[in-house]
Amino acid sequence: MIKTLILGLGSPGFADERMGLDVARGLHTALSDPNIDIIETPASGIDLLGVVAGYRKVVIVDCVQGGDGDIGELRRLGLEDLELVGGRVSEYGTEYRAMVEIPGLDDASMPQEISVYAIEMGTSAVRSTEMLEMVREAVPRLVEQIVREEFSDRMPERDWI
């Protein structure tokens, strides 16, 4: 079985920026598989190389302020998409690519599959302790999307709302 890491990124002090943490908590509830580790961590200052080493598959969850989508819109990003998106996810794009492309790394210990999921925050997102309703409503939808797209082969048949 493939060892998988779900990495929920966020800032617990600001409501809309903590949505990656909230999605990770929702995935804790939805997934009970000993081959899936779920980590919630602040988005800044994380050593991604150290965290993802040893996993074959990594699913990263964060917010994005791309400005080209509606607030609360669900986004699935591949590594090739990250340079097209503004905000924090784009900043991490360099690190994600570095995980795969740094010469001399033991390829056997690095992830072979990386997915990035995000909820669009819009360009006018404000730092607040209260989450925007559109973002709050998007959190369970993103949990469902991730389970359906990434882990449907590990889940019993389930009708999603």
C-alpha atoms as a PDB file:
ATOM      1  CA  MET A   1       0.000   0.000   0.000  1.00  0.00           C
ATOM      2  CA  ILE A   2       1.225   3.514  -0.818  1.00  0.00           C
ATOM      3  CA  LYS A   3       2.153   5.587   2.235  1.00  0.00           C
ATOM      4  CA  THR A   4       0.405   8.968   1.932  1.00  0.00           C
ATOM      5  CA  LEU A   5       0.790  12.298   3.710  1.00  0.00           C
ATOM      6  CA  ILE A   6      -1.947  14.918   3.848  1.00  0.00           C
ATOM      7  CA  LEU A   7      -0.441  18.262   4.816  1.00  0.00           C
ATOM      8  CA  GLY A   8      -2.942  20.906   5.956  1.00  0.00           C
ATOM      9  CA  LEU A   9      -1.280  24.331   5.897  1.00  0.00           C
ATOM     10  CA  GLY A  10      -2.682  27.368   7.628  1.00  0.00           C
ATOM     11  CA  SER A  11      -2.452  30.136  10.130  1.00  0.00           C
ATOM     12  CA  PRO A  12      -4.616  29.315  13.164  1.00  0.00           C
ATOM     13  CA  GLY A  13      -4.859  32.974  14.194  1.00  0.00           C
ATOM     14  CA  PHE A  14      -6.675  34.112  11.058  1.00  0.00           C
ATOM     15  CA  ALA A  15      -9.955  32.456  10.153  1.00  0.00           C
ATOM     16  CA  ASP A  16      -9.750  32.296   6.368  1.00  0.00           C
ATOM     17  CA  GLU A  17      -6.078  31.347   6.397  1.00  0.00           C
ATOM     18  CA  ARG A  18      -6.702  28.410   8.737  1.00  0.00           C
ATOM     19  CA  MET A  19      -8.943  26.611   6.248  1.00  0.00           C
ATOM     20  CA  GLY A  20      -6.117  24.200   5.331  1.00  0.00           C
ATOM     21  CA  LEU A  21      -6.061  23.141   8.970  1.00  0.00           C
ATOM     22  CA  ASP A  22      -9.866  22.800   9.008  1.00  0.00           C
ATOM     23  CA  VAL A  23      -9.825  20.650   5.862  1.00  0.00           C
ATOM     24  CA  ALA A  24      -7.132  18.425   7.425  1.00  0.00           C
ATOM     25  CA  ARG A  25      -9.355  17.965  10.505  1.00  0.00           C
ATOM     26  CA  GLY A  26     -12.267  17.035   8.247  1.00  0.00           C
ATOM     27  CA  LEU A  27     -10.073  14.486   6.492  1.00  0.00           C
ATOM     28  CA  HIS A  28      -9.130  12.985   9.884  1.00  0.00           C
ATOM     29  CA  THR A  29     -12.829  12.243  10.340  1.00  0.00           C
ATOM     30  CA  ALA A  30     -13.479  11.039   6.773  1.00  0.00           C
ATOM     31  CA  LEU A  31     -10.406   8.815   6.398  1.00  0.00           C
ATOM     32  CA  SER A  32      -9.326   6.085   8.751  1.00  0.00           C
ATOM     33  CA  ASP A  33      -6.444   4.364   7.040  1.00  0.00           C
ATOM     34  CA  PRO A  34      -3.170   3.473   8.761  1.00  0.00           C
ATOM     35  CA  ASN A  35      -1.354   4.266   5.496  1.00  0.00           C
ATOM     36  CA  ILE A  36      -2.484   7.912   5.584  1.00  0.00           C
ATOM     37  CA  ASP A  37      -0.803  10.403   7.906  1.00  0.00           C
ATOM     38  CA  ILE A  38      -2.444  13.803   8.360  1.00  0.00           C
ATOM     39  CA  ILE A  39      -0.408  16.737   9.635  1.00  0.00           C
ATOM     40  CA  GLU A  40      -1.691  20.231  10.411  1.00  0.00           C
ATOM     41  CA  THR A  41       1.026  22.863  10.388  1.00  0.00           C
ATOM     42  CA  PRO A  42       1.516  26.618  10.049  1.00  0.00           C
ATOM     43  CA  ALA A  43       2.248  27.515   6.449  1.00  0.00           C
ATOM     44  CA  SER A  44       5.289  29.680   7.104  1.00  0.00           C
ATOM     45  CA  GLY A  45       8.722  28.360   7.830  1.00  0.00           C
ATOM     46  CA  ILE A  46       7.917  24.723   7.091  1.00  0.00           C
ATOM     47  CA  ASP A  47      10.732  22.489   5.869  1.00  0.00           C
ATOM     48  CA  LEU A  48       8.767  20.629   3.225  1.00  0.00           C
ATOM     49  CA  LEU A  49      11.671  18.387   2.284  1.00  0.00           C
ATOM     50  CA  GLY A  50      11.967  17.093   5.825  1.00  0.00           C
ATOM     51  CA  VAL A  51       8.226  16.552   6.199  1.00  0.00           C
ATOM     52  CA  VAL A  52       7.528  14.713   2.937  1.00  0.00           C
ATOM     53  CA  ALA A  53      10.571  12.435   2.821  1.00  0.00           C
ATOM     54  CA  GLY A  54       9.512   8.801   2.920  1.00  0.00           C
ATOM     55  CA  TYR A  55       6.010   9.338   1.542  1.00  0.00           C
ATOM     56  CA  ARG A  56       5.090   8.161  -1.949  1.00  0.00           C
ATOM     57  CA  LYS A  57       2.076  10.466  -2.238  1.00  0.00           C
ATOM     58  CA  VAL A  58       1.552  13.925  -0.741  1.00  0.00           C
ATOM     59  CA  VAL A  59      -1.676  15.949  -0.716  1.00  0.00           C
ATOM     60  CA  ILE A  60      -1.207  19.582   0.311  1.00  0.00           C
ATOM     61  CA  VAL A  61      -4.170  21.739   1.382  1.00  0.00           C
ATOM     62  CA  ASP A  62      -3.963  25.525   1.677  1.00  0.00           C
ATOM     63  CA  CYS A  63      -5.728  28.725   0.707  1.00  0.00           C
ATOM     64  CA  VAL A  64      -4.834  30.695  -2.398  1.00  0.00           C
ATOM     65  CA  GLN A  65      -5.313  34.325  -3.347  1.00  0.00           C
ATOM     66  CA  GLY A  66      -5.115  34.035  -7.105  1.00  0.00           C
ATOM     67  CA  GLY A  67      -7.640  36.704  -7.890  1.00  0.00           C
ATOM     68  CA  ASP A  68      -8.940  34.859 -10.925  1.00  0.00           C
ATOM     69  CA  GLY A  69     -11.622  32.896  -9.109  1.00  0.00           C
ATOM     70  CA  ASP A  70     -14.565  33.488  -6.833  1.00  0.00           C
ATOM     71  CA  ILE A  71     -14.138  33.463  -3.069  1.00  0.00           C
ATOM     72  CA  GLY A  72     -14.831  29.935  -1.866  1.00  0.00           C
ATOM     73  CA  GLU A  73     -14.028  28.337  -5.234  1.00  0.00           C
ATOM     74  CA  LEU A  74     -12.303  24.966  -4.932  1.00  0.00           C
ATOM     75  CA  ARG A  75      -9.003  24.675  -6.769  1.00  0.00           C
ATOM     76  CA  ARG A  76      -6.928  21.621  -7.594  1.00  0.00           C
ATOM     77  CA  LEU A  77      -3.432  22.607  -8.615  1.00  0.00           C
ATOM     78  CA  GLY A  78      -0.682  20.565 -10.148  1.00  0.00           C
ATOM     79  CA  LEU A  79       2.953  21.541  -9.931  1.00  0.00           C
ATOM     80  CA  GLU A  80       2.690  22.998 -13.425  1.00  0.00           C
ATOM     81  CA  ASP A  81      -0.113  25.342 -12.248  1.00  0.00           C
ATOM     82  CA  LEU A  82       1.649  26.891  -9.282  1.00  0.00           C
ATOM     83  CA  GLU A  83       3.485  29.602 -11.188  1.00  0.00           C
ATOM     84  CA  LEU A  84       0.136  30.814 -12.565  1.00  0.00           C
ATOM     85  CA  VAL A  85      -1.349  31.449  -9.121  1.00  0.00           C
ATOM     86  CA  GLY A  86      -0.539  34.366  -6.834  1.00  0.00           C
ATOM     87  CA  GLY A  87      -0.391  34.212  -3.054  1.00  0.00           C
ATOM     88  CA  ARG A  88       1.174  31.692  -0.729  1.00  0.00           C
ATOM     89  CA  VAL A  89       0.693  28.589  -2.849  1.00  0.00           C
ATOM     90  CA  SER A  90       2.783  30.152  -5.612  1.00  0.00           C
ATOM     91  CA  GLU A  91       5.560  30.917  -3.135  1.00  0.00           C
ATOM     92  CA  TYR A  92       5.633  27.260  -2.114  1.00  0.00           C
ATOM     93  CA  GLY A  93       5.681  26.195  -5.762  1.00  0.00           C
ATOM     94  CA  THR A  94       9.430  26.639  -5.791  1.00  0.00           C
ATOM     95  CA  GLU A  95       9.771  24.410  -2.742  1.00  0.00           C
ATOM     96  CA  TYR A  96       7.438  21.755  -4.171  1.00  0.00           C
ATOM     97  CA  ARG A  97       9.460  21.637  -7.392  1.00  0.00           C
ATOM     98  CA  ALA A  98      12.693  21.556  -5.395  1.00  0.00           C
ATOM     99  CA  MET A  99      11.534  18.391  -3.630  1.00  0.00           C
ATOM    100  CA  VAL A 100      11.507  16.607  -6.948  1.00  0.00           C
ATOM    101  CA  GLU A 101      14.393  18.327  -8.741  1.00  0.00           C
ATOM    102  CA  ILE A 102      17.201  18.852  -6.208  1.00  0.00           C
ATOM    103  CA  PRO A 103      20.220  16.858  -7.498  1.00  0.00           C
ATOM    104  CA  GLY A 104      21.635  14.251  -5.164  1.00  0.00           C
ATOM    105  CA  LEU A 105      18.422  13.492  -3.276  1.00  0.00           C
ATOM    106  CA  ASP A 106      17.553   9.844  -2.889  1.00  0.00           C
ATOM    107  CA  ASP A 107      14.700   9.572  -5.397  1.00  0.00           C
ATOM    108  CA  ALA A 108      13.318   6.529  -3.583  1.00  0.00           C
ATOM    109  CA  SER A 109      12.549   8.631  -0.496  1.00  0.00           C
ATOM    110  CA  MET A 110      10.823  11.518  -2.308  1.00  0.00           C
ATOM    111  CA  PRO A 111       7.110  11.622  -3.223  1.00  0.00           C
ATOM    112  CA  GLN A 112       6.198  10.317  -6.652  1.00  0.00           C
ATOM    113  CA  GLU A 113       2.818  12.063  -6.618  1.00  0.00           C
ATOM    114  CA  ILE A 114       2.023  15.536  -5.262  1.00  0.00           C
ATOM    115  CA  SER A 115      -1.417  17.168  -5.357  1.00  0.00           C
ATOM    116  CA  VAL A 116      -2.246  20.658  -4.133  1.00  0.00           C
ATOM    117  CA  TYR A 117      -5.803  21.628  -3.196  1.00  0.00           C
ATOM    118  CA  ALA A 118      -6.878  25.106  -2.209  1.00  0.00           C
ATOM    119  CA  ILE A 119      -9.858  27.326  -1.559  1.00  0.00           C
ATOM    120  CA  GLU A 120      -9.807  30.663  -3.366  1.00  0.00           C
ATOM    121  CA  MET A 121      -9.661  33.583  -0.958  1.00  0.00           C
ATOM    122  CA  GLY A 122      -9.995  36.379  -3.537  1.00  0.00           C
ATOM    123  CA  THR A 123      -7.780  39.421  -3.751  1.00  0.00           C
ATOM    124  CA  SER A 124      -9.613  41.332  -1.050  1.00  0.00           C
ATOM    125  CA  ALA A 125      -9.364  38.701   1.691  1.00  0.00           C
ATOM    126  CA  VAL A 126      -8.933  40.336   5.077  1.00  0.00           C
ATOM    127  CA  ARG A 127      -7.209  38.966   8.136  1.00  0.00           C
ATOM    128  CA  SER A 128      -9.990  38.310  10.573  1.00  0.00           C
ATOM    129  CA  THR A 129     -10.804  35.870  13.330  1.00  0.00           C
ATOM    130  CA  GLU A 130     -14.165  35.151  11.673  1.00  0.00           C
ATOM    131  CA  MET A 131     -14.169  32.993   8.550  1.00  0.00           C
ATOM    132  CA  LEU A 132     -16.036  34.286   5.495  1.00  0.00           C
ATOM    133  CA  GLU A 133     -19.252  32.325   4.965  1.00  0.00           C
ATOM    134  CA  MET A 134     -18.245  31.319   1.409  1.00  0.00           C
ATOM    135  CA  VAL A 135     -14.962  29.901   2.702  1.00  0.00           C
ATOM    136  CA  ARG A 136     -16.615  28.150   5.658  1.00  0.00           C
ATOM    137  CA  GLU A 137     -19.090  26.475   3.280  1.00  0.00           C
ATOM    138  CA  ALA A 138     -16.246  25.428   0.965  1.00  0.00           C
ATOM    139  CA  VAL A 139     -14.327  23.490   3.652  1.00  0.00           C
ATOM    140  CA  PRO A 140     -16.587  20.374   3.744  1.00  0.00           C
ATOM    141  CA  ARG A 141     -16.885  20.470  -0.058  1.00  0.00           C
ATOM    142  CA  LEU A 142     -13.096  20.377  -0.355  1.00  0.00           C
ATOM    143  CA  VAL A 143     -12.918  17.481   2.125  1.00  0.00           C
ATOM    144  CA  GLU A 144     -15.385  15.577  -0.076  1.00  0.00           C
ATOM    145  CA  GLN A 145     -13.497  16.448  -3.263  1.00  0.00           C
ATOM    146  CA  ILE A 146     -10.165  15.262  -1.854  1.00  0.00           C
ATOM    147  CA  VAL A 147     -11.653  11.994  -0.596  1.00  0.00           C
ATOM    148  CA  ARG A 148     -13.370  11.391  -3.936  1.00  0.00           C
ATOM    149  CA  GLU A 149     -10.404  12.312  -6.164  1.00  0.00           C
ATOM    150  CA  GLU A 150      -7.503  11.004  -4.096  1.00  0.00           C
ATOM    151  CA  PHE A 151      -8.824   8.169  -1.937  1.00  0.00           C
ATOM    152  CA  SER A 152     -11.959   6.703  -3.532  1.00  0.00           C
ATOM    153  CA  ASP A 153     -10.125   3.402  -4.047  1.00  0.00           C
ATOM    154  CA  ARG A 154      -9.611   3.140  -0.259  1.00  0.00           C
ATOM    155  CA  MET A 155     -13.154   4.062   0.779  1.00  0.00           C
ATOM    156  CA  PRO A 156     -16.318   1.975   0.880  1.00  0.00           C
ATOM    157  CA  GLU A 157     -19.059   3.145  -1.470  1.00  0.00           C
ATOM    158  CA  ARG A 158     -20.483   6.377  -0.140  1.00  0.00           C
ATOM    159  CA  ASP A 159     -22.995   8.855  -1.504  1.00  0.00           C
ATOM    160  CA  TRP A 160     -21.714  12.398  -1.181  1.00  0.00           C
ATOM    161  CA  ILE A 161     -24.167  15.222  -0.716  1.00  0.00           C
END
